[in-house]
Amino acid sequence: MKYLFSVGILFLIITLALGKEQLSTVVHRLLAQSNYQEARLLLEEHLRKNPDRSDYYILLSEVWCAEGKYSNAFRVIVKAYEYFPSNPYVAKELADVYRSLGEYKKALALYRQGLPEIPEKHKPLWYYGMGVCYYELSEYDKALRFLQEALKGKIAFWPLYYLGKTYLEQERFDEACWAFERAELQLHFQATWATNLFYYAWGTARLEQALRIRATNTLVARSTFEALLHDNRFSDRRIRERVEFWLKRL
């Protein structure tokens, strides 16, 4: 009973806040605070009152995705796609969910479907999704092209992260490090789990960069290895073990 009362009070507060703010603003604030249940309750209530609002379905799917419950997100956005099959933003959200589920070819088909219909200023969001799909499909030249297009709209962490990973796969280690350096400026906006992924990828790029230098200049390679070893950002055991291995052989 106490729990239901507190949820009711919270819902009332959020509803009153919507008098001054858009629903999407409130939902994204709740997501930033990991208040997934509150965000869902709010959206489900609005959908009961306005079942013809495609943007509410998109927001609800985003909440489920943020919580990591992609099968729930899939059910919500598939229903929305049945109701609004010609809405490119609904198609994009379904593509995003397919991408999260590892269905990259299905995601690409949906991204392409909506791309001609959307304003130019929104296209970087589509390009980012397509770039990630091509990266996961190991089509690195295409991934590079779309990720670079995505970054023309706004410098953001995830396009730069995948750009760095794409350069890494192409063994373009200097460019990978450049992308990761730029991505680090946006890292404080990301969840903690993203930090570990990021520094492992960047540490790998720096390590491979040093191994390439090692062939012609062991002093510079040693300096890079030692810098990696003493930099707490690259504390991942896999990175440290490799660095220690090569330091012993210089």
C-alpha atoms as a PDB file:
ATOM      1  CA  MET A   1       0.000   0.000   0.000  1.00  0.00           C
ATOM      2  CA  LYS A   2       2.802   2.377   0.926  1.00  0.00           C
ATOM      3  CA  TYR A   3       4.552   1.564  -2.366  1.00  0.00           C
ATOM      4  CA  LEU A   4       1.401   2.232  -4.403  1.00  0.00           C
ATOM      5  CA  PHE A   5       0.904   5.533  -2.606  1.00  0.00           C
ATOM      6  CA  SER A   6       4.468   6.666  -3.314  1.00  0.00           C
ATOM      7  CA  VAL A   7       4.165   5.702  -6.992  1.00  0.00           C
ATOM      8  CA  GLY A   8       0.877   7.593  -7.163  1.00  0.00           C
ATOM      9  CA  ILE A   9       2.421  10.718  -5.665  1.00  0.00           C
ATOM     10  CA  LEU A  10       5.377  10.467  -8.048  1.00  0.00           C
ATOM     11  CA  PHE A  11       3.046  10.076 -11.013  1.00  0.00           C
ATOM     12  CA  LEU A  12       1.078  13.150  -9.892  1.00  0.00           C
ATOM     13  CA  ILE A  13       4.280  15.184  -9.594  1.00  0.00           C
ATOM     14  CA  ILE A  14       5.418  14.084 -13.055  1.00  0.00           C
ATOM     15  CA  THR A  15       1.993  14.821 -14.532  1.00  0.00           C
ATOM     16  CA  LEU A  16       2.046  18.328 -13.053  1.00  0.00           C
ATOM     17  CA  ALA A  17       5.562  18.830 -14.438  1.00  0.00           C
ATOM     18  CA  LEU A  18       4.276  18.026 -17.899  1.00  0.00           C
ATOM     19  CA  GLY A  19       2.280  21.218 -17.770  1.00  0.00           C
ATOM     20  CA  LYS A  20       5.560  23.011 -18.365  1.00  0.00           C
ATOM     21  CA  GLU A  21       7.647  20.353 -20.089  1.00  0.00           C
ATOM     22  CA  GLN A  22       7.144  17.981 -22.972  1.00  0.00           C
ATOM     23  CA  LEU A  23       6.547  14.325 -22.180  1.00  0.00           C
ATOM     24  CA  SER A  24       9.744  13.284 -23.980  1.00  0.00           C
ATOM     25  CA  THR A  25      11.814  15.657 -21.810  1.00  0.00           C
ATOM     26  CA  VAL A  26      10.415  14.172 -18.596  1.00  0.00           C
ATOM     27  CA  VAL A  27      10.859  10.589 -19.849  1.00  0.00           C
ATOM     28  CA  HIS A  28      14.474  11.167 -20.831  1.00  0.00           C
ATOM     29  CA  ARG A  29      15.174  12.732 -17.452  1.00  0.00           C
ATOM     30  CA  LEU A  30      13.726   9.645 -15.760  1.00  0.00           C
ATOM     31  CA  LEU A  31      15.893   7.439 -17.975  1.00  0.00           C
ATOM     32  CA  ALA A  32      18.989   9.421 -17.013  1.00  0.00           C
ATOM     33  CA  GLN A  33      18.103   8.603 -13.389  1.00  0.00           C
ATOM     34  CA  SER A  34      17.420   4.917 -14.250  1.00  0.00           C
ATOM     35  CA  ASN A  35      13.794   5.345 -13.153  1.00  0.00           C
ATOM     36  CA  TYR A  36      12.520   2.890 -15.742  1.00  0.00           C
ATOM     37  CA  GLN A  37       9.317   1.877 -13.978  1.00  0.00           C
ATOM     38  CA  GLU A  38       8.232   5.472 -13.444  1.00  0.00           C
ATOM     39  CA  ALA A  39       8.888   6.244 -17.111  1.00  0.00           C
ATOM     40  CA  ARG A  40       6.848   3.221 -18.208  1.00  0.00           C
ATOM     41  CA  LEU A  41       3.918   4.056 -15.930  1.00  0.00           C
ATOM     42  CA  LEU A  42       3.863   7.586 -17.265  1.00  0.00           C
ATOM     43  CA  LEU A  43       3.914   6.496 -20.905  1.00  0.00           C
ATOM     44  CA  GLU A  44       1.381   3.703 -20.461  1.00  0.00           C
ATOM     45  CA  GLU A  45      -1.030   6.188 -18.881  1.00  0.00           C
ATOM     46  CA  HIS A  46      -0.579   8.596 -21.788  1.00  0.00           C
ATOM     47  CA  LEU A  47      -1.071   5.785 -24.300  1.00  0.00           C
ATOM     48  CA  ARG A  48      -4.356   4.811 -22.646  1.00  0.00           C
ATOM     49  CA  LYS A  49      -5.564   8.353 -23.175  1.00  0.00           C
ATOM     50  CA  ASN A  50      -3.963   8.846 -26.616  1.00  0.00           C
ATOM     51  CA  PRO A  51      -3.575   5.471 -28.376  1.00  0.00           C
ATOM     52  CA  ASP A  52      -3.060   7.219 -31.718  1.00  0.00           C
ATOM     53  CA  ARG A  53       0.245   8.883 -30.724  1.00  0.00           C
ATOM     54  CA  SER A  54       3.093   7.089 -32.497  1.00  0.00           C
ATOM     55  CA  ASP A  55       5.714   9.072 -30.557  1.00  0.00           C
ATOM     56  CA  TYR A  56       4.459   7.594 -27.269  1.00  0.00           C
ATOM     57  CA  TYR A  57       5.056   4.073 -28.581  1.00  0.00           C
ATOM     58  CA  ILE A  58       8.549   5.099 -29.658  1.00  0.00           C
ATOM     59  CA  LEU A  59       9.302   6.512 -26.211  1.00  0.00           C
ATOM     60  CA  LEU A  60       7.994   3.376 -24.494  1.00  0.00           C
ATOM     61  CA  SER A  61      10.189   1.218 -26.716  1.00  0.00           C
ATOM     62  CA  GLU A  62      13.177   3.427 -25.853  1.00  0.00           C
ATOM     63  CA  VAL A  63      12.483   2.908 -22.142  1.00  0.00           C
ATOM     64  CA  TRP A  64      12.479  -0.885 -22.532  1.00  0.00           C
ATOM     65  CA  CYS A  65      15.707  -0.699 -24.581  1.00  0.00           C
ATOM     66  CA  ALA A  66      17.379   1.515 -21.972  1.00  0.00           C
ATOM     67  CA  GLU A  67      16.489  -1.120 -19.380  1.00  0.00           C
ATOM     68  CA  GLY A  68      17.998  -3.828 -21.612  1.00  0.00           C
ATOM     69  CA  LYS A  69      14.660  -5.607 -22.107  1.00  0.00           C
ATOM     70  CA  TYR A  70      14.719  -5.762 -25.888  1.00  0.00           C
ATOM     71  CA  SER A  71      12.009  -8.398 -26.285  1.00  0.00           C
ATOM     72  CA  ASN A  72       9.560  -6.059 -24.520  1.00  0.00           C
ATOM     73  CA  ALA A  73      10.718  -3.161 -26.679  1.00  0.00           C
ATOM     74  CA  PHE A  74      10.203  -5.348 -29.738  1.00  0.00           C
ATOM     75  CA  ARG A  75       6.583  -6.141 -28.785  1.00  0.00           C
ATOM     76  CA  VAL A  76       5.780  -2.469 -28.261  1.00  0.00           C
ATOM     77  CA  ILE A  77       7.318  -1.200 -31.480  1.00  0.00           C
ATOM     78  CA  VAL A  78       5.990  -4.043 -33.645  1.00  0.00           C
ATOM     79  CA  LYS A  79       2.492  -3.056 -32.511  1.00  0.00           C
ATOM     80  CA  ALA A  80       3.297   0.569 -33.377  1.00  0.00           C
ATOM     81  CA  TYR A  81       4.602  -0.482 -36.806  1.00  0.00           C
ATOM     82  CA  GLU A  82       1.321  -2.313 -37.466  1.00  0.00           C
ATOM     83  CA  TYR A  83      -0.593   0.864 -36.607  1.00  0.00           C
ATOM     84  CA  PHE A  84       1.760   3.315 -38.348  1.00  0.00           C
ATOM     85  CA  PRO A  85       3.560   1.414 -41.171  1.00  0.00           C
ATOM     86  CA  SER A  86       4.356   4.574 -43.149  1.00  0.00           C
ATOM     87  CA  ASN A  87       5.875   6.507 -40.229  1.00  0.00           C
ATOM     88  CA  PRO A  88       9.675   6.588 -40.784  1.00  0.00           C
ATOM     89  CA  TYR A  89      10.371   7.312 -37.094  1.00  0.00           C
ATOM     90  CA  VAL A  90       8.480   4.203 -36.025  1.00  0.00           C
ATOM     91  CA  ALA A  91      10.402   2.228 -38.661  1.00  0.00           C
ATOM     92  CA  LYS A  92      13.673   3.605 -37.269  1.00  0.00           C
ATOM     93  CA  GLU A  93      12.783   2.585 -33.717  1.00  0.00           C
ATOM     94  CA  LEU A  94      11.967  -0.918 -34.951  1.00  0.00           C
ATOM     95  CA  ALA A  95      15.312  -0.909 -36.783  1.00  0.00           C
ATOM     96  CA  ASP A  96      17.063   0.159 -33.563  1.00  0.00           C
ATOM     97  CA  VAL A  97      15.446  -2.739 -31.697  1.00  0.00           C
ATOM     98  CA  TYR A  98      16.406  -5.215 -34.423  1.00  0.00           C
ATOM     99  CA  ARG A  99      19.965  -3.873 -34.186  1.00  0.00           C
ATOM    100  CA  SER A 100      19.966  -4.407 -30.416  1.00  0.00           C
ATOM    101  CA  LEU A 101      18.779  -7.984 -31.010  1.00  0.00           C
ATOM    102  CA  GLY A 102      21.582  -8.643 -33.512  1.00  0.00           C
ATOM    103  CA  GLU A 103      19.248  -8.690 -36.558  1.00  0.00           C
ATOM    104  CA  TYR A 104      21.458  -6.342 -38.553  1.00  0.00           C
ATOM    105  CA  LYS A 105      20.146  -7.048 -42.055  1.00  0.00           C
ATOM    106  CA  LYS A 106      16.540  -6.534 -40.966  1.00  0.00           C
ATOM    107  CA  ALA A 107      17.592  -3.306 -39.251  1.00  0.00           C
ATOM    108  CA  LEU A 108      19.347  -2.045 -42.377  1.00  0.00           C
ATOM    109  CA  ALA A 109      16.267  -2.679 -44.515  1.00  0.00           C
ATOM    110  CA  LEU A 110      14.150  -0.572 -42.153  1.00  0.00           C
ATOM    111  CA  TYR A 111      16.722   2.229 -41.931  1.00  0.00           C
ATOM    112  CA  ARG A 112      16.799   2.420 -45.734  1.00  0.00           C
ATOM    113  CA  GLN A 113      13.000   2.388 -45.897  1.00  0.00           C
ATOM    114  CA  GLY A 114      12.585   5.622 -43.951  1.00  0.00           C
ATOM    115  CA  LEU A 115      15.731   7.497 -44.940  1.00  0.00           C
ATOM    116  CA  PRO A 116      14.355   9.269 -48.075  1.00  0.00           C
ATOM    117  CA  GLU A 117      11.378  10.661 -46.147  1.00  0.00           C
ATOM    118  CA  ILE A 118      13.064  12.374 -43.208  1.00  0.00           C
ATOM    119  CA  PRO A 119      14.517  15.900 -42.952  1.00  0.00           C
ATOM    120  CA  GLU A 120      18.238  16.255 -43.519  1.00  0.00           C
ATOM    121  CA  LYS A 121      18.849  17.339 -39.917  1.00  0.00           C
ATOM    122  CA  HIS A 122      17.569  13.974 -38.605  1.00  0.00           C
ATOM    123  CA  LYS A 123      19.485  11.754 -41.018  1.00  0.00           C
ATOM    124  CA  PRO A 124      22.620  11.409 -38.814  1.00  0.00           C
ATOM    125  CA  LEU A 125      20.533   9.216 -36.473  1.00  0.00           C
ATOM    126  CA  TRP A 126      19.788   6.854 -39.364  1.00  0.00           C
ATOM    127  CA  TYR A 127      23.407   6.966 -40.570  1.00  0.00           C
ATOM    128  CA  TYR A 128      24.645   6.011 -37.104  1.00  0.00           C
ATOM    129  CA  GLY A 129      22.355   2.984 -36.946  1.00  0.00           C
ATOM    130  CA  MET A 130      23.406   1.893 -40.425  1.00  0.00           C
ATOM    131  CA  GLY A 131      27.069   2.395 -39.598  1.00  0.00           C
ATOM    132  CA  VAL A 132      26.812   0.161 -36.530  1.00  0.00           C
ATOM    133  CA  CYS A 133      25.006  -2.532 -38.526  1.00  0.00           C
ATOM    134  CA  TYR A 134      27.691  -2.526 -41.214  1.00  0.00           C
ATOM    135  CA  TYR A 135      30.369  -2.670 -38.514  1.00  0.00           C
ATOM    136  CA  GLU A 136      28.738  -5.719 -36.932  1.00  0.00           C
ATOM    137  CA  LEU A 137      28.443  -7.322 -40.385  1.00  0.00           C
ATOM    138  CA  SER A 138      32.212  -6.724 -40.904  1.00  0.00           C
ATOM    139  CA  GLU A 139      31.553  -4.413 -43.861  1.00  0.00           C
ATOM    140  CA  TYR A 140      34.018  -1.860 -42.579  1.00  0.00           C
ATOM    141  CA  ASP A 141      34.243   0.462 -45.589  1.00  0.00           C
ATOM    142  CA  LYS A 142      30.473   0.984 -45.497  1.00  0.00           C
ATOM    143  CA  ALA A 143      30.532   1.341 -41.713  1.00  0.00           C
ATOM    144  CA  LEU A 144      33.179   4.048 -42.015  1.00  0.00           C
ATOM    145  CA  ARG A 145      31.192   5.959 -44.606  1.00  0.00           C
ATOM    146  CA  PHE A 146      27.961   6.035 -42.607  1.00  0.00           C
ATOM    147  CA  LEU A 147      29.626   6.766 -39.258  1.00  0.00           C
ATOM    148  CA  GLN A 148      31.465   9.706 -40.800  1.00  0.00           C
ATOM    149  CA  GLU A 149      28.144  10.951 -42.186  1.00  0.00           C
ATOM    150  CA  ALA A 150      26.577  10.589 -38.735  1.00  0.00           C
ATOM    151  CA  LEU A 151      29.291  12.775 -37.221  1.00  0.00           C
ATOM    152  CA  LYS A 152      28.537  15.596 -39.638  1.00  0.00           C
ATOM    153  CA  GLY A 153      25.324  16.232 -37.719  1.00  0.00           C
ATOM    154  CA  LYS A 154      26.718  16.230 -34.176  1.00  0.00           C
ATOM    155  CA  ILE A 155      29.920  15.147 -32.477  1.00  0.00           C
ATOM    156  CA  ALA A 156      28.714  12.363 -30.164  1.00  0.00           C
ATOM    157  CA  PHE A 157      30.247   9.540 -28.155  1.00  0.00           C
ATOM    158  CA  TRP A 158      28.787   6.435 -29.788  1.00  0.00           C
ATOM    159  CA  PRO A 159      29.466   7.329 -33.447  1.00  0.00           C
ATOM    160  CA  LEU A 160      33.059   8.192 -32.463  1.00  0.00           C
ATOM    161  CA  TYR A 161      33.377   4.955 -30.467  1.00  0.00           C
ATOM    162  CA  TYR A 162      32.269   2.837 -33.427  1.00  0.00           C
ATOM    163  CA  LEU A 163      34.384   4.926 -35.774  1.00  0.00           C
ATOM    164  CA  GLY A 164      37.411   4.102 -33.602  1.00  0.00           C
ATOM    165  CA  LYS A 165      36.477   0.421 -33.552  1.00  0.00           C
ATOM    166  CA  THR A 166      36.092   0.415 -37.333  1.00  0.00           C
ATOM    167  CA  TYR A 167      39.545   1.963 -37.800  1.00  0.00           C
ATOM    168  CA  LEU A 168      40.877  -0.630 -35.348  1.00  0.00           C
ATOM    169  CA  GLU A 169      39.470  -3.474 -37.443  1.00  0.00           C
ATOM    170  CA  GLN A 170      41.091  -1.918 -40.517  1.00  0.00           C
ATOM    171  CA  GLU A 171      44.423  -1.726 -38.640  1.00  0.00           C
ATOM    172  CA  ARG A 172      44.442   2.051 -38.960  1.00  0.00           C
ATOM    173  CA  PHE A 173      45.641   2.471 -35.399  1.00  0.00           C
ATOM    174  CA  ASP A 174      46.597   6.166 -35.492  1.00  0.00           C
ATOM    175  CA  GLU A 175      43.128   7.088 -36.751  1.00  0.00           C
ATOM    176  CA  ALA A 176      41.508   4.761 -34.199  1.00  0.00           C
ATOM    177  CA  CYS A 177      43.351   6.537 -31.367  1.00  0.00           C
ATOM    178  CA  TRP A 178      42.316   9.906 -32.807  1.00  0.00           C
ATOM    179  CA  ALA A 179      38.632   8.852 -32.783  1.00  0.00           C
ATOM    180  CA  PHE A 180      38.869   7.492 -29.233  1.00  0.00           C
ATOM    181  CA  GLU A 181      40.560  10.674 -27.995  1.00  0.00           C
ATOM    182  CA  ARG A 182      37.665  12.720 -29.328  1.00  0.00           C
ATOM    183  CA  ALA A 183      35.104  10.270 -27.916  1.00  0.00           C
ATOM    184  CA  GLU A 184      36.619  10.585 -24.433  1.00  0.00           C
ATOM    185  CA  LEU A 185      35.443  14.214 -24.306  1.00  0.00           C
ATOM    186  CA  GLN A 186      31.859  12.892 -24.350  1.00  0.00           C
ATOM    187  CA  LEU A 187      32.420   9.956 -22.002  1.00  0.00           C
ATOM    188  CA  HIS A 188      31.143  11.661 -18.840  1.00  0.00           C
ATOM    189  CA  PHE A 189      27.630  11.641 -20.336  1.00  0.00           C
ATOM    190  CA  GLN A 190      27.660   7.825 -20.599  1.00  0.00           C
ATOM    191  CA  ALA A 191      26.756   5.023 -18.199  1.00  0.00           C
ATOM    192  CA  THR A 192      29.526   3.372 -16.169  1.00  0.00           C
ATOM    193  CA  TRP A 193      29.414   0.163 -18.205  1.00  0.00           C
ATOM    194  CA  ALA A 194      30.288   2.142 -21.346  1.00  0.00           C
ATOM    195  CA  THR A 195      33.528   3.340 -19.731  1.00  0.00           C
ATOM    196  CA  ASN A 196      34.978  -0.180 -19.519  1.00  0.00           C
ATOM    197  CA  LEU A 197      34.104  -0.974 -23.133  1.00  0.00           C
ATOM    198  CA  PHE A 198      35.591   2.297 -24.294  1.00  0.00           C
ATOM    199  CA  TYR A 199      38.936   2.089 -22.517  1.00  0.00           C
ATOM    200  CA  TYR A 200      39.415  -1.534 -23.539  1.00  0.00           C
ATOM    201  CA  ALA A 201      38.942  -0.584 -27.205  1.00  0.00           C
ATOM    202  CA  TRP A 202      41.192   2.483 -26.926  1.00  0.00           C
ATOM    203  CA  GLY A 203      43.823   0.538 -24.959  1.00  0.00           C
ATOM    204  CA  THR A 204      43.833  -2.130 -27.665  1.00  0.00           C
ATOM    205  CA  ALA A 205      44.354   0.540 -30.336  1.00  0.00           C
ATOM    206  CA  ARG A 206      47.280   2.080 -28.407  1.00  0.00           C
ATOM    207  CA  LEU A 207      48.817  -1.341 -27.834  1.00  0.00           C
ATOM    208  CA  GLU A 208      48.607  -2.272 -31.504  1.00  0.00           C
ATOM    209  CA  GLN A 209      50.000   1.143 -32.397  1.00  0.00           C
ATOM    210  CA  ALA A 210      53.013   0.459 -30.138  1.00  0.00           C
ATOM    211  CA  LEU A 211      53.526  -3.018 -31.621  1.00  0.00           C
ATOM    212  CA  ARG A 212      53.686  -1.497 -35.089  1.00  0.00           C
ATOM    213  CA  ILE A 213      56.214   1.120 -33.897  1.00  0.00           C
ATOM    214  CA  ARG A 214      58.247  -1.651 -32.226  1.00  0.00           C
ATOM    215  CA  ALA A 215      59.369  -2.928 -35.622  1.00  0.00           C
ATOM    216  CA  THR A 216      61.398   0.246 -36.258  1.00  0.00           C
ATOM    217  CA  ASN A 217      61.811   2.034 -32.922  1.00  0.00           C
ATOM    218  CA  THR A 218      61.952  -0.025 -29.735  1.00  0.00           C
ATOM    219  CA  LEU A 219      62.568   3.015 -27.519  1.00  0.00           C
ATOM    220  CA  VAL A 220      59.319   4.718 -28.554  1.00  0.00           C
ATOM    221  CA  ALA A 221      57.479   1.395 -28.283  1.00  0.00           C
ATOM    222  CA  ARG A 222      58.818   0.852 -24.757  1.00  0.00           C
ATOM    223  CA  SER A 223      57.768   4.373 -23.770  1.00  0.00           C
ATOM    224  CA  THR A 224      54.242   3.720 -25.079  1.00  0.00           C
ATOM    225  CA  PHE A 225      53.990   0.365 -23.294  1.00  0.00           C
ATOM    226  CA  GLU A 226      55.131   1.906 -20.015  1.00  0.00           C
ATOM    227  CA  ALA A 227      52.696   4.798 -20.372  1.00  0.00           C
ATOM    228  CA  LEU A 228      49.861   2.307 -20.909  1.00  0.00           C
ATOM    229  CA  LEU A 229      50.923   0.286 -17.883  1.00  0.00           C
ATOM    230  CA  HIS A 230      50.869   3.323 -15.581  1.00  0.00           C
ATOM    231  CA  ASP A 231      47.666   4.868 -16.927  1.00  0.00           C
ATOM    232  CA  ASN A 232      44.776   3.823 -14.674  1.00  0.00           C
ATOM    233  CA  ARG A 233      42.290   4.317 -17.474  1.00  0.00           C
ATOM    234  CA  PHE A 234      43.681   1.211 -19.162  1.00  0.00           C
ATOM    235  CA  SER A 235      43.508  -1.090 -16.160  1.00  0.00           C
ATOM    236  CA  ASP A 236      41.698  -3.903 -17.954  1.00  0.00           C
ATOM    237  CA  ARG A 237      43.542  -7.145 -17.170  1.00  0.00           C
ATOM    238  CA  ARG A 238      43.631  -8.165 -20.851  1.00  0.00           C
ATOM    239  CA  ILE A 239      45.427  -4.954 -21.797  1.00  0.00           C
ATOM    240  CA  ARG A 240      47.895  -5.117 -18.890  1.00  0.00           C
ATOM    241  CA  GLU A 241      48.821  -8.746 -19.530  1.00  0.00           C
ATOM    242  CA  ARG A 242      49.625  -8.026 -23.171  1.00  0.00           C
ATOM    243  CA  VAL A 243      51.623  -4.900 -22.285  1.00  0.00           C
ATOM    244  CA  GLU A 244      53.650  -6.792 -19.678  1.00  0.00           C
ATOM    245  CA  PHE A 245      54.251  -9.626 -22.158  1.00  0.00           C
ATOM    246  CA  TRP A 246      55.748  -7.302 -24.771  1.00  0.00           C
ATOM    247  CA  LEU A 247      57.745  -5.214 -22.316  1.00  0.00           C
ATOM    248  CA  LYS A 248      59.620  -8.346 -21.280  1.00  0.00           C
ATOM    249  CA  ARG A 249      60.587  -8.957 -24.901  1.00  0.00           C
ATOM    250  CA  LEU A 250      61.967  -5.542 -25.746  1.00  0.00           C
END
